[in-house]
Amino acid sequence: MSDTQFRHGKKRFYDNTKFPRGFAKSGDFTLAEEEILMLYGDTMLGLESGEIIADNSEEKHFVKVLENPGKAKTKLERVWLKYVQLARGRKRFHTLNGRSKPDATEDYSEDSVLVEED
């Protein structure tokens, strides 16, 4: 990541609320993505909140990507969008059943059950 114009944050970025064990240990991020978040997350958060003003073209493009996520080109932008989606988005709920609601057509009645009588 040495070829980036993006500023390093003043401190390492952590999210102890949503990822208390770290980004990579959550299973959602790779080690490389964790490194990007830790190094540049503070700057990206500042740019997103408006506390920091974009200094160069890469940071200005990042601010545009926040408004239009489809324009994300760099790894930093994609990792930040992934972080925002996982940290602030709706939590997915997985069930063992493949459907969320049973179909009304699958109503069981006595007529549909075959009973053998001896």
PDB file of N, CA and C in Angstrom:
ATOM      1  N   MET A   1       0.815  -1.186   0.000  1.00  0.00           N
ATOM      2  CA  MET A   1       0.000   0.000   0.000  1.00  0.00           C
ATOM      3  C   MET A   1       0.863   1.256   0.000  1.00  0.00           C
ATOM      4  N   SER A   2       2.154   1.122  -0.261  1.00  0.00           N
ATOM      5  CA  SER A   2       3.036   2.279  -0.233  1.00  0.00           C
ATOM      6  C   SER A   2       2.828   3.202  -1.427  1.00  0.00           C
ATOM      7  N   ASP A   3       2.136   2.727  -2.478  1.00  0.00           N
ATOM      8  CA  ASP A   3       1.913   3.550  -3.653  1.00  0.00           C
ATOM      9  C   ASP A   3       0.676   4.425  -3.530  1.00  0.00           C
ATOM     10  N   THR A   4       0.007   4.399  -2.411  1.00  0.00           N
ATOM     11  CA  THR A   4      -1.204   5.180  -2.223  1.00  0.00           C
ATOM     12  C   THR A   4      -0.888   6.587  -1.741  1.00  0.00           C
ATOM     13  N   GLN A   5      -1.741   7.528  -2.143  1.00  0.00           N
ATOM     14  CA  GLN A   5      -1.604   8.911  -1.689  1.00  0.00           C
ATOM     15  C   GLN A   5      -2.398   9.140  -0.404  1.00  0.00           C
ATOM     16  N   PHE A   6      -3.123   8.130   0.000  1.00  0.00           N
ATOM     17  CA  PHE A   6      -3.985   8.245   1.174  1.00  0.00           C
ATOM     18  C   PHE A   6      -3.136   8.456   2.418  1.00  0.00           C
ATOM     19  N   ARG A   7      -3.591   9.333   3.309  1.00  0.00           N
ATOM     20  CA  ARG A   7      -2.873   9.597   4.559  1.00  0.00           C
ATOM     21  C   ARG A   7      -3.102   8.477   5.567  1.00  0.00           C
ATOM     22  N   HIS A   8      -2.073   8.172   6.312  1.00  0.00           N
ATOM     23  CA  HIS A   8      -2.228   7.251   7.446  1.00  0.00           C
ATOM     24  C   HIS A   8      -2.971   7.994   8.546  1.00  0.00           C
ATOM     25  N   GLY A   9      -3.755   7.271   9.289  1.00  0.00           N
ATOM     26  CA  GLY A   9      -4.432   7.879  10.429  1.00  0.00           C
ATOM     27  C   GLY A   9      -3.436   8.200  11.527  1.00  0.00           C
ATOM     28  N   LYS A  10      -3.820   9.079  12.425  1.00  0.00           N
ATOM     29  CA  LYS A  10      -2.943   9.440  13.539  1.00  0.00           C
ATOM     30  C   LYS A  10      -2.812   8.289  14.525  1.00  0.00           C
ATOM     31  N   LYS A  11      -3.830   7.464  14.553  1.00  0.00           N
ATOM     32  CA  LYS A  11      -3.788   6.279  15.419  1.00  0.00           C
ATOM     33  C   LYS A  11      -4.367   5.111  14.645  1.00  0.00           C
ATOM     34  N   ARG A  12      -4.107   3.912  15.125  1.00  0.00           N
ATOM     35  CA  ARG A  12      -4.642   2.727  14.466  1.00  0.00           C
ATOM     36  C   ARG A  12      -6.147   2.674  14.702  1.00  0.00           C
ATOM     37  N   PHE A  13      -6.857   2.215  13.701  1.00  0.00           N
ATOM     38  CA  PHE A  13      -8.314   2.190  13.730  1.00  0.00           C
ATOM     39  C   PHE A  13      -8.804   0.837  14.220  1.00  0.00           C
ATOM     40  N   TYR A  14      -9.671   0.867  15.218  1.00  0.00           N
ATOM     41  CA  TYR A  14     -10.305  -0.338  15.747  1.00  0.00           C
ATOM     42  C   TYR A  14     -11.790  -0.068  15.916  1.00  0.00           C
ATOM     43  N   ASP A  15     -12.587  -1.110  15.863  1.00  0.00           N
ATOM     44  CA  ASP A  15     -14.014  -1.006  16.153  1.00  0.00           C
ATOM     45  C   ASP A  15     -14.322  -2.068  17.195  1.00  0.00           C
ATOM     46  N   ASN A  16     -14.129  -1.693  18.457  1.00  0.00           N
ATOM     47  CA  ASN A  16     -14.318  -2.653  19.542  1.00  0.00           C
ATOM     48  C   ASN A  16     -15.783  -2.975  19.795  1.00  0.00           C
ATOM     49  N   THR A  17     -16.684  -2.195  19.227  1.00  0.00           N
ATOM     50  CA  THR A  17     -18.112  -2.453  19.403  1.00  0.00           C
ATOM     51  C   THR A  17     -18.574  -3.588  18.505  1.00  0.00           C
ATOM     52  N   LYS A  18     -18.305  -3.476  17.206  1.00  0.00           N
ATOM     53  CA  LYS A  18     -18.765  -4.481  16.244  1.00  0.00           C
ATOM     54  C   LYS A  18     -17.754  -5.598  16.012  1.00  0.00           C
ATOM     55  N   PHE A  19     -16.482  -5.311  16.178  1.00  0.00           N
ATOM     56  CA  PHE A  19     -15.429  -6.305  15.937  1.00  0.00           C
ATOM     57  C   PHE A  19     -14.469  -6.326  17.132  1.00  0.00           C
ATOM     58  N   PRO A  20     -14.928  -6.788  18.289  1.00  0.00           N
ATOM     59  CA  PRO A  20     -14.111  -6.724  19.503  1.00  0.00           C
ATOM     60  C   PRO A  20     -12.838  -7.566  19.456  1.00  0.00           C
ATOM     61  N   ARG A  21     -12.835  -8.615  18.642  1.00  0.00           N
ATOM     62  CA  ARG A  21     -11.651  -9.470  18.561  1.00  0.00           C
ATOM     63  C   ARG A  21     -10.745  -9.090  17.398  1.00  0.00           C
ATOM     64  N   GLY A  22     -11.102  -8.058  16.668  1.00  0.00           N
ATOM     65  CA  GLY A  22     -10.326  -7.641  15.515  1.00  0.00           C
ATOM     66  C   GLY A  22     -11.076  -7.927  14.232  1.00  0.00           C
ATOM     67  N   PHE A  23     -10.661  -7.256  13.173  1.00  0.00           N
ATOM     68  CA  PHE A  23     -11.364  -7.393  11.895  1.00  0.00           C
ATOM     69  C   PHE A  23     -11.156  -8.779  11.286  1.00  0.00           C
ATOM     70  N   ALA A  24      -9.919  -9.252  11.253  1.00  0.00           N
ATOM     71  CA  ALA A  24      -9.626 -10.540  10.616  1.00  0.00           C
ATOM     72  C   ALA A  24     -10.211 -11.709  11.411  1.00  0.00           C
ATOM     73  N   LYS A  25     -10.164 -11.628  12.725  1.00  0.00           N
ATOM     74  CA  LYS A  25     -10.683 -12.727  13.544  1.00  0.00           C
ATOM     75  C   LYS A  25     -12.199 -12.832  13.488  1.00  0.00           C
ATOM     76  N   SER A  26     -12.858 -11.791  12.984  1.00  0.00           N
ATOM     77  CA  SER A  26     -14.309 -11.849  12.851  1.00  0.00           C
ATOM     78  C   SER A  26     -14.719 -12.827  11.754  1.00  0.00           C
ATOM     79  N   GLY A  27     -13.792 -13.110  10.835  1.00  0.00           N
ATOM     80  CA  GLY A  27     -14.091 -13.993   9.727  1.00  0.00           C
ATOM     81  C   GLY A  27     -14.644 -13.256   8.521  1.00  0.00           C
ATOM     82  N   ASP A  28     -14.845 -11.957   8.652  1.00  0.00           N
ATOM     83  CA  ASP A  28     -15.403 -11.160   7.561  1.00  0.00           C
ATOM     84  C   ASP A  28     -14.330 -10.488   6.706  1.00  0.00           C
ATOM     85  N   PHE A  29     -13.143 -10.318   7.258  1.00  0.00           N
ATOM     86  CA  PHE A  29     -12.070  -9.605   6.565  1.00  0.00           C
ATOM     87  C   PHE A  29     -10.825 -10.479   6.479  1.00  0.00           C
ATOM     88  N   THR A  30     -10.057 -10.281   5.417  1.00  0.00           N
ATOM     89  CA  THR A  30      -8.766 -10.958   5.286  1.00  0.00           C
ATOM     90  C   THR A  30      -7.737 -10.195   6.111  1.00  0.00           C
ATOM     91  N   LEU A  31      -6.543 -10.767   6.244  1.00  0.00           N
ATOM     92  CA  LEU A  31      -5.480 -10.074   6.964  1.00  0.00           C
ATOM     93  C   LEU A  31      -5.083  -8.782   6.253  1.00  0.00           C
ATOM     94  N   ALA A  32      -5.063  -8.793   4.915  1.00  0.00           N
ATOM     95  CA  ALA A  32      -4.727  -7.587   4.154  1.00  0.00           C
ATOM     96  C   ALA A  32      -5.787  -6.506   4.356  1.00  0.00           C
ATOM     97  N   GLU A  33      -7.059  -6.897   4.367  1.00  0.00           N
ATOM     98  CA  GLU A  33      -8.137  -5.936   4.592  1.00  0.00           C
ATOM     99  C   GLU A  33      -8.067  -5.372   6.008  1.00  0.00           C
ATOM    100  N   GLU A  34      -7.718  -6.210   6.969  1.00  0.00           N
ATOM    101  CA  GLU A  34      -7.567  -5.741   8.348  1.00  0.00           C
ATOM    102  C   GLU A  34      -6.461  -4.696   8.424  1.00  0.00           C
ATOM    103  N   GLU A  35      -5.358  -4.944   7.741  1.00  0.00           N
ATOM    104  CA  GLU A  35      -4.236  -4.003   7.743  1.00  0.00           C
ATOM    105  C   GLU A  35      -4.652  -2.663   7.134  1.00  0.00           C
ATOM    106  N   ILE A  36      -5.407  -2.704   6.035  1.00  0.00           N
ATOM    107  CA  ILE A  36      -5.893  -1.471   5.406  1.00  0.00           C
ATOM    108  C   ILE A  36      -6.777  -0.695   6.374  1.00  0.00           C
ATOM    109  N   LEU A  37      -7.691  -1.384   7.020  1.00  0.00           N
ATOM    110  CA  LEU A  37      -8.585  -0.707   7.967  1.00  0.00           C
ATOM    111  C   LEU A  37      -7.824  -0.115   9.146  1.00  0.00           C
ATOM    112  N   MET A  38      -6.869  -0.860   9.663  1.00  0.00           N
ATOM    113  CA  MET A  38      -6.122  -0.367  10.815  1.00  0.00           C
ATOM    114  C   MET A  38      -5.251   0.840  10.460  1.00  0.00           C
ATOM    115  N   LEU A  39      -4.650   0.838   9.266  1.00  0.00           N
ATOM    116  CA  LEU A  39      -3.768   1.938   8.866  1.00  0.00           C
ATOM    117  C   LEU A  39      -4.539   3.172   8.394  1.00  0.00           C
ATOM    118  N   TYR A  40      -5.571   2.962   7.583  1.00  0.00           N
ATOM    119  CA  TYR A  40      -6.248   4.069   6.932  1.00  0.00           C
ATOM    120  C   TYR A  40      -7.660   4.322   7.445  1.00  0.00           C
ATOM    121  N   GLY A  41      -8.173   3.468   8.311  1.00  0.00           N
ATOM    122  CA  GLY A  41      -9.549   3.586   8.785  1.00  0.00           C
ATOM    123  C   GLY A  41      -9.839   4.895   9.486  1.00  0.00           C
ATOM    124  N   ASP A  42      -8.887   5.393  10.261  1.00  0.00           N
ATOM    125  CA  ASP A  42      -9.074   6.647  10.976  1.00  0.00           C
ATOM    126  C   ASP A  42      -9.248   7.800   9.979  1.00  0.00           C
ATOM    127  N   THR A  43      -8.434   7.802   8.930  1.00  0.00           N
ATOM    128  CA  THR A  43      -8.538   8.829   7.888  1.00  0.00           C
ATOM    129  C   THR A  43      -9.849   8.691   7.125  1.00  0.00           C
ATOM    130  N   MET A  44     -10.218   7.461   6.766  1.00  0.00           N
ATOM    131  CA  MET A  44     -11.454   7.247   6.008  1.00  0.00           C
ATOM    132  C   MET A  44     -12.670   7.663   6.832  1.00  0.00           C
ATOM    133  N   LEU A  45     -12.656   7.369   8.126  1.00  0.00           N
ATOM    134  CA  LEU A  45     -13.755   7.781   8.998  1.00  0.00           C
ATOM    135  C   LEU A  45     -13.821   9.301   9.082  1.00  0.00           C
ATOM    136  N   GLY A  46     -12.681   9.950   9.183  1.00  0.00           N
ATOM    137  CA  GLY A  46     -12.634  11.413   9.223  1.00  0.00           C
ATOM    138  C   GLY A  46     -13.152  12.044   7.943  1.00  0.00           C
ATOM    139  N   LEU A  47     -12.782  11.458   6.800  1.00  0.00           N
ATOM    140  CA  LEU A  47     -13.281  11.962   5.516  1.00  0.00           C
ATOM    141  C   LEU A  47     -14.789  11.763   5.401  1.00  0.00           C
ATOM    142  N   GLU A  48     -15.266  10.623   5.874  1.00  0.00           N
ATOM    143  CA  GLU A  48     -16.699  10.329   5.813  1.00  0.00           C
ATOM    144  C   GLU A  48     -17.500  11.285   6.689  1.00  0.00           C
ATOM    145  N   SER A  49     -16.999  11.567   7.867  1.00  0.00           N
ATOM    146  CA  SER A  49     -17.726  12.425   8.809  1.00  0.00           C
ATOM    147  C   SER A  49     -17.539  13.915   8.522  1.00  0.00           C
ATOM    148  N   GLY A  50     -16.562  14.252   7.694  1.00  0.00           N
ATOM    149  CA  GLY A  50     -16.315  15.651   7.373  1.00  0.00           C
ATOM    150  C   GLY A  50     -15.314  16.320   8.295  1.00  0.00           C
ATOM    151  N   GLU A  51     -14.740  15.563   9.229  1.00  0.00           N
ATOM    152  CA  GLU A  51     -13.743  16.128  10.138  1.00  0.00           C
ATOM    153  C   GLU A  51     -12.428  16.418   9.418  1.00  0.00           C
ATOM    154  N   ILE A  52     -12.162  15.678   8.356  1.00  0.00           N
ATOM    155  CA  ILE A  52     -10.940  15.848   7.565  1.00  0.00           C
ATOM    156  C   ILE A  52     -11.351  16.268   6.157  1.00  0.00           C
ATOM    157  N   ILE A  53     -10.615  17.209   5.593  1.00  0.00           N
ATOM    158  CA  ILE A  53     -10.871  17.634   4.217  1.00  0.00           C
ATOM    159  C   ILE A  53      -9.908  16.897   3.303  1.00  0.00           C
ATOM    160  N   ALA A  54     -10.414  16.408   2.169  1.00  0.00           N
ATOM    161  CA  ALA A  54      -9.597  15.652   1.213  1.00  0.00           C
ATOM    162  C   ALA A  54      -8.464  16.533   0.680  1.00  0.00           C
ATOM    163  N   ASP A  55      -7.235  16.004   0.727  1.00  0.00           N
ATOM    164  CA  ASP A  55      -6.048  16.750   0.295  1.00  0.00           C
ATOM    165  C   ASP A  55      -5.651  16.471  -1.142  1.00  0.00           C
ATOM    166  N   ASN A  56      -5.894  15.250  -1.608  1.00  0.00           N
ATOM    167  CA  ASN A  56      -5.397  14.863  -2.930  1.00  0.00           C
ATOM    168  C   ASN A  56      -6.497  14.179  -3.730  1.00  0.00           C
ATOM    169  N   SER A  57      -6.163  13.811  -4.953  1.00  0.00           N
ATOM    170  CA  SER A  57      -7.165  13.235  -5.858  1.00  0.00           C
ATOM    171  C   SER A  57      -7.719  11.907  -5.339  1.00  0.00           C
ATOM    172  N   GLU A  58      -6.871  11.105  -4.713  1.00  0.00           N
ATOM    173  CA  GLU A  58      -7.335   9.804  -4.198  1.00  0.00           C
ATOM    174  C   GLU A  58      -8.348   9.989  -3.069  1.00  0.00           C
ATOM    175  N   GLU A  59      -8.092  10.926  -2.191  1.00  0.00           N
ATOM    176  CA  GLU A  59      -9.015  11.192  -1.092  1.00  0.00           C
ATOM    177  C   GLU A  59     -10.303  11.838  -1.603  1.00  0.00           C
ATOM    178  N   LYS A  60     -10.203  12.696  -2.610  1.00  0.00           N
ATOM    179  CA  LYS A  60     -11.398  13.320  -3.195  1.00  0.00           C
ATOM    180  C   LYS A  60     -12.263  12.266  -3.871  1.00  0.00           C
ATOM    181  N   HIS A  61     -11.630  11.312  -4.541  1.00  0.00           N
ATOM    182  CA  HIS A  61     -12.389  10.226  -5.172  1.00  0.00           C
ATOM    183  C   HIS A  61     -13.069   9.370  -4.105  1.00  0.00           C
ATOM    184  N   PHE A  62     -12.399   9.141  -2.987  1.00  0.00           N
ATOM    185  CA  PHE A  62     -12.978   8.374  -1.883  1.00  0.00           C
ATOM    186  C   PHE A  62     -14.266   9.035  -1.391  1.00  0.00           C
ATOM    187  N   VAL A  63     -14.249  10.352  -1.251  1.00  0.00           N
ATOM    188  CA  VAL A  63     -15.438  11.081  -0.799  1.00  0.00           C
ATOM    189  C   VAL A  63     -16.571  10.921  -1.815  1.00  0.00           C
ATOM    190  N   LYS A  64     -16.248  10.939  -3.113  1.00  0.00           N
ATOM    191  CA  LYS A  64     -17.264  10.732  -4.148  1.00  0.00           C
ATOM    192  C   LYS A  64     -17.838   9.314  -4.077  1.00  0.00           C
ATOM    193  N   VAL A  65     -16.980   8.344  -3.768  1.00  0.00           N
ATOM    194  CA  VAL A  65     -17.418   6.947  -3.660  1.00  0.00           C
ATOM    195  C   VAL A  65     -18.398   6.778  -2.495  1.00  0.00           C
ATOM    196  N   LEU A  66     -18.225   7.535  -1.442  1.00  0.00           N
ATOM    197  CA  LEU A  66     -19.154   7.453  -0.313  1.00  0.00           C
ATOM    198  C   LEU A  66     -20.567   7.836  -0.742  1.00  0.00           C
ATOM    199  N   GLU A  67     -20.670   8.777  -1.683  1.00  0.00           N
ATOM    200  CA  GLU A  67     -21.975   9.195  -2.186  1.00  0.00           C
ATOM    201  C   GLU A  67     -22.506   8.237  -3.243  1.00  0.00           C
ATOM    202  N   ASN A  68     -21.597   7.616  -4.007  1.00  0.00           N
ATOM    203  CA  ASN A  68     -21.984   6.699  -5.076  1.00  0.00           C
ATOM    204  C   ASN A  68     -21.088   5.462  -5.011  1.00  0.00           C
ATOM    205  N   PRO A  69     -21.439   4.456  -4.199  1.00  0.00           N
ATOM    206  CA  PRO A  69     -20.582   3.278  -3.990  1.00  0.00           C
ATOM    207  C   PRO A  69     -20.237   2.495  -5.256  1.00  0.00           C
ATOM    208  N   GLY A  70     -21.009   2.647  -6.307  1.00  0.00           N
ATOM    209  CA  GLY A  70     -20.728   1.934  -7.544  1.00  0.00           C
ATOM    210  C   GLY A  70     -19.446   2.382  -8.229  1.00  0.00           C
ATOM    211  N   LYS A  71     -18.899   3.519  -7.826  1.00  0.00           N
ATOM    212  CA  LYS A  71     -17.680   4.055  -8.439  1.00  0.00           C
ATOM    213  C   LYS A  71     -16.405   3.605  -7.734  1.00  0.00           C
ATOM    214  N   ALA A  72     -16.517   2.710  -6.768  1.00  0.00           N
ATOM    215  CA  ALA A  72     -15.343   2.252  -6.017  1.00  0.00           C
ATOM    216  C   ALA A  72     -14.366   1.545  -6.950  1.00  0.00           C
ATOM    217  N   LYS A  73     -13.110   2.000  -6.948  1.00  0.00           N
ATOM    218  CA  LYS A  73     -12.075   1.412  -7.801  1.00  0.00           C
ATOM    219  C   LYS A  73     -10.955   0.781  -6.988  1.00  0.00           C
ATOM    220  N   THR A  74     -10.523   1.466  -5.954  1.00  0.00           N
ATOM    221  CA  THR A  74      -9.346   1.011  -5.218  1.00  0.00           C
ATOM    222  C   THR A  74      -9.714   0.023  -4.128  1.00  0.00           C
ATOM    223  N   LYS A  75      -8.718  -0.699  -3.676  1.00  0.00           N
ATOM    224  CA  LYS A  75      -8.900  -1.666  -2.589  1.00  0.00           C
ATOM    225  C   LYS A  75      -9.358  -0.949  -1.314  1.00  0.00           C
ATOM    226  N   LEU A  76      -8.786   0.228  -1.060  1.00  0.00           N
ATOM    227  CA  LEU A  76      -9.177   0.995   0.129  1.00  0.00           C
ATOM    228  C   LEU A  76     -10.659   1.317   0.103  1.00  0.00           C
ATOM    229  N   GLU A  77     -11.154   1.763  -1.031  1.00  0.00           N
ATOM    230  CA  GLU A  77     -12.564   2.123  -1.140  1.00  0.00           C
ATOM    231  C   GLU A  77     -13.462   0.910  -0.955  1.00  0.00           C
ATOM    232  N   ARG A  78     -13.094  -0.199  -1.582  1.00  0.00           N
ATOM    233  CA  ARG A  78     -13.919  -1.409  -1.458  1.00  0.00           C
ATOM    234  C   ARG A  78     -13.911  -1.948  -0.029  1.00  0.00           C
ATOM    235  N   VAL A  79     -12.760  -1.902   0.626  1.00  0.00           N
ATOM    236  CA  VAL A  79     -12.671  -2.391   2.011  1.00  0.00           C
ATOM    237  C   VAL A  79     -13.508  -1.511   2.935  1.00  0.00           C
ATOM    238  N   TRP A  80     -13.460  -0.192   2.738  1.00  0.00           N
ATOM    239  CA  TRP A  80     -14.246   0.694   3.593  1.00  0.00           C
ATOM    240  C   TRP A  80     -15.743   0.464   3.390  1.00  0.00           C
ATOM    241  N   LEU A  81     -16.168   0.292   2.147  1.00  0.00           N
ATOM    242  CA  LEU A  81     -17.588   0.025   1.878  1.00  0.00           C
ATOM    243  C   LEU A  81     -18.018  -1.301   2.499  1.00  0.00           C
ATOM    244  N   LYS A  82     -17.145  -2.280   2.460  1.00  0.00           N
ATOM    245  CA  LYS A  82     -17.423  -3.579   3.089  1.00  0.00           C
ATOM    246  C   LYS A  82     -17.553  -3.411   4.602  1.00  0.00           C
ATOM    247  N   TYR A  83     -16.631  -2.631   5.187  1.00  0.00           N
ATOM    248  CA  TYR A  83     -16.677  -2.378   6.627  1.00  0.00           C
ATOM    249  C   TYR A  83     -17.983  -1.683   7.016  1.00  0.00           C
ATOM    250  N   VAL A  84     -18.360  -0.639   6.272  1.00  0.00           N
ATOM    251  CA  VAL A  84     -19.578   0.112   6.580  1.00  0.00           C
ATOM    252  C   VAL A  84     -20.799  -0.800   6.499  1.00  0.00           C
ATOM    253  N   GLN A  85     -20.838  -1.637   5.460  1.00  0.00           N
ATOM    254  CA  GLN A  85     -21.976  -2.538   5.297  1.00  0.00           C
ATOM    255  C   GLN A  85     -22.070  -3.532   6.459  1.00  0.00           C
ATOM    256  N   LEU A  86     -20.927  -4.072   6.882  1.00  0.00           N
ATOM    257  CA  LEU A  86     -20.942  -5.063   7.966  1.00  0.00           C
ATOM    258  C   LEU A  86     -21.154  -4.415   9.335  1.00  0.00           C
ATOM    259  N   ALA A  87     -20.591  -3.249   9.547  1.00  0.00           N
ATOM    260  CA  ALA A  87     -20.666  -2.616  10.858  1.00  0.00           C
ATOM    261  C   ALA A  87     -21.984  -1.882  11.081  1.00  0.00           C
ATOM    262  N   ARG A  88     -22.519  -1.309  10.016  1.00  0.00           N
ATOM    263  CA  ARG A  88     -23.721  -0.482  10.174  1.00  0.00           C
ATOM    264  C   ARG A  88     -24.950  -1.046   9.481  1.00  0.00           C
ATOM    265  N   GLY A  89     -24.752  -2.028   8.626  1.00  0.00           N
ATOM    266  CA  GLY A  89     -25.882  -2.606   7.892  1.00  0.00           C
ATOM    267  C   GLY A  89     -26.686  -3.539   8.774  1.00  0.00           C
ATOM    268  N   ARG A  90     -27.767  -4.050   8.202  1.00  0.00           N
ATOM    269  CA  ARG A  90     -28.599  -4.996   8.936  1.00  0.00           C
ATOM    270  C   ARG A  90     -27.860  -6.309   9.096  1.00  0.00           C
ATOM    271  N   LYS A  91     -28.000  -6.893  10.236  1.00  0.00           N
ATOM    272  CA  LYS A  91     -27.378  -8.176  10.513  1.00  0.00           C
ATOM    273  C   LYS A  91     -28.182  -9.264   9.810  1.00  0.00           C
ATOM    274  N   ARG A  92     -27.506 -10.152   9.124  1.00  0.00           N
ATOM    275  CA  ARG A  92     -28.195 -11.259   8.462  1.00  0.00           C
ATOM    276  C   ARG A  92     -28.536 -12.327   9.485  1.00  0.00           C
ATOM    277  N   PHE A  93     -29.712 -12.870   9.326  1.00  0.00           N
ATOM    278  CA  PHE A  93     -30.157 -13.915  10.230  1.00  0.00           C
ATOM    279  C   PHE A  93     -30.308 -15.191   9.424  1.00  0.00           C
ATOM    280  N   HIS A  94     -29.582 -16.202   9.811  1.00  0.00           N
ATOM    281  CA  HIS A  94     -29.626 -17.471   9.090  1.00  0.00           C
ATOM    282  C   HIS A  94     -30.459 -18.478   9.868  1.00  0.00           C
ATOM    283  N   THR A  95     -31.307 -19.184   9.146  1.00  0.00           N
ATOM    284  CA  THR A  95     -32.110 -20.223   9.772  1.00  0.00           C
ATOM    285  C   THR A  95     -31.765 -21.555   9.136  1.00  0.00           C
ATOM    286  N   LEU A  96     -32.201 -22.611   9.749  1.00  0.00           N
ATOM    287  CA  LEU A  96     -31.981 -23.930   9.181  1.00  0.00           C
ATOM    288  C   LEU A  96     -32.989 -24.223   8.080  1.00  0.00           C
ATOM    289  N   ASN A  97     -34.115 -23.546   8.126  1.00  0.00           N
ATOM    290  CA  ASN A  97     -35.137 -23.709   7.106  1.00  0.00           C
ATOM    291  C   ASN A  97     -34.804 -22.813   5.923  1.00  0.00           C
ATOM    292  N   GLY A  98     -34.972 -23.303   4.721  1.00  0.00           N
ATOM    293  CA  GLY A  98     -34.623 -22.536   3.541  1.00  0.00           C
ATOM    294  C   GLY A  98     -35.557 -21.382   3.248  1.00  0.00           C
ATOM    295  N   ARG A  99     -36.774 -21.432   3.747  1.00  0.00           N
ATOM    296  CA  ARG A  99     -37.741 -20.374   3.475  1.00  0.00           C
ATOM    297  C   ARG A  99     -38.062 -19.634   4.755  1.00  0.00           C
ATOM    298  N   SER A 100     -38.415 -18.367   4.597  1.00  0.00           N
ATOM    299  CA  SER A 100     -38.756 -17.593   5.785  1.00  0.00           C
ATOM    300  C   SER A 100     -40.196 -17.826   6.215  1.00  0.00           C
ATOM    301  N   LYS A 101     -41.088 -18.075   5.236  1.00  0.00           N
ATOM    302  CA  LYS A 101     -42.493 -18.315   5.564  1.00  0.00           C
ATOM    303  C   LYS A 101     -42.959 -19.569   4.827  1.00  0.00           C
ATOM    304  N   PRO A 102     -43.762 -20.389   5.459  1.00  0.00           N
ATOM    305  CA  PRO A 102     -44.291 -21.561   4.742  1.00  0.00           C
ATOM    306  C   PRO A 102     -45.309 -21.117   3.704  1.00  0.00           C
ATOM    307  N   ASP A 103     -45.383 -21.856   2.619  1.00  0.00           N
ATOM    308  CA  ASP A 103     -46.350 -21.550   1.567  1.00  0.00           C
ATOM    309  C   ASP A 103     -47.756 -21.911   2.043  1.00  0.00           C
ATOM    310  N   ALA A 104     -48.715 -21.121   1.618  1.00  0.00           N
ATOM    311  CA  ALA A 104     -50.105 -21.395   1.987  1.00  0.00           C
ATOM    312  C   ALA A 104     -50.618 -22.639   1.276  1.00  0.00           C
ATOM    313  N   THR A 105     -49.991 -22.972   0.140  1.00  0.00           N
ATOM    314  CA  THR A 105     -50.444 -24.143  -0.616  1.00  0.00           C
ATOM    315  C   THR A 105     -50.028 -25.447   0.047  1.00  0.00           C
ATOM    316  N   GLU A 106     -49.119 -25.383   0.955  1.00  0.00           N
ATOM    317  CA  GLU A 106     -48.656 -26.590   1.635  1.00  0.00           C
ATOM    318  C   GLU A 106     -49.414 -26.805   2.940  1.00  0.00           C
ATOM    319  N   ASP A 107     -50.677 -26.580   2.909  1.00  0.00           N
ATOM    320  CA  ASP A 107     -51.503 -26.768   4.088  1.00  0.00           C
ATOM    321  C   ASP A 107     -51.799 -28.254   4.215  1.00  0.00           C
ATOM    322  N   TYR A 108     -51.488 -28.805   5.346  1.00  0.00           N
ATOM    323  CA  TYR A 108     -51.714 -30.228   5.546  1.00  0.00           C
ATOM    324  C   TYR A 108     -53.144 -30.460   6.019  1.00  0.00           C
ATOM    325  N   SER A 109     -53.806 -31.363   5.380  1.00  0.00           N
ATOM    326  CA  SER A 109     -55.158 -31.713   5.792  1.00  0.00           C
ATOM    327  C   SER A 109     -55.266 -33.236   5.829  1.00  0.00           C
ATOM    328  N   GLU A 110     -56.341 -33.707   6.353  1.00  0.00           N
ATOM    329  CA  GLU A 110     -56.529 -35.153   6.456  1.00  0.00           C
ATOM    330  C   GLU A 110     -56.666 -35.795   5.085  1.00  0.00           C
ATOM    331  N   ASP A 111     -57.150 -35.042   4.105  1.00  0.00           N
ATOM    332  CA  ASP A 111     -57.323 -35.592   2.771  1.00  0.00           C
ATOM    333  C   ASP A 111     -56.000 -35.894   2.108  1.00  0.00           C
ATOM    334  N   SER A 112     -54.987 -35.136   2.426  1.00  0.00           N
ATOM    335  CA  SER A 112     -53.705 -35.315   1.768  1.00  0.00           C
ATOM    336  C   SER A 112     -52.860 -36.419   2.387  1.00  0.00           C
ATOM    337  N   VAL A 113     -53.296 -36.959   3.495  1.00  0.00           N
ATOM    338  CA  VAL A 113     -52.536 -38.000   4.170  1.00  0.00           C
ATOM    339  C   VAL A 113     -53.135 -39.348   3.805  1.00  0.00           C
ATOM    340  N   LEU A 114     -52.323 -40.237   3.284  1.00  0.00           N
ATOM    341  CA  LEU A 114     -52.793 -41.577   2.938  1.00  0.00           C
ATOM    342  C   LEU A 114     -52.679 -42.454   4.164  1.00  0.00           C
ATOM    343  N   VAL A 115     -53.757 -43.087   4.498  1.00  0.00           N
ATOM    344  CA  VAL A 115     -53.759 -43.954   5.670  1.00  0.00           C
ATOM    345  C   VAL A 115     -54.068 -45.373   5.196  1.00  0.00           C
ATOM    346  N   GLU A 116     -53.196 -46.285   5.555  1.00  0.00           N
ATOM    347  CA  GLU A 116     -53.451 -47.685   5.199  1.00  0.00           C
ATOM    348  C   GLU A 116     -54.200 -48.341   6.351  1.00  0.00           C
ATOM    349  N   GLU A 117     -55.260 -49.016   5.986  1.00  0.00           N
ATOM    350  CA  GLU A 117     -56.002 -49.731   7.003  1.00  0.00           C
ATOM    351  C   GLU A 117     -55.880 -51.221   6.735  1.00  0.00           C
ATOM    352  N   ASP A 118     -55.749 -52.012   7.766  1.00  0.00           N
ATOM    353  CA  ASP A 118     -55.616 -53.466   7.624  1.00  0.00           C
ATOM    354  C   ASP A 118     -56.931 -54.133   7.533  1.00  0.00           C
TER     355      ASP A 118
END
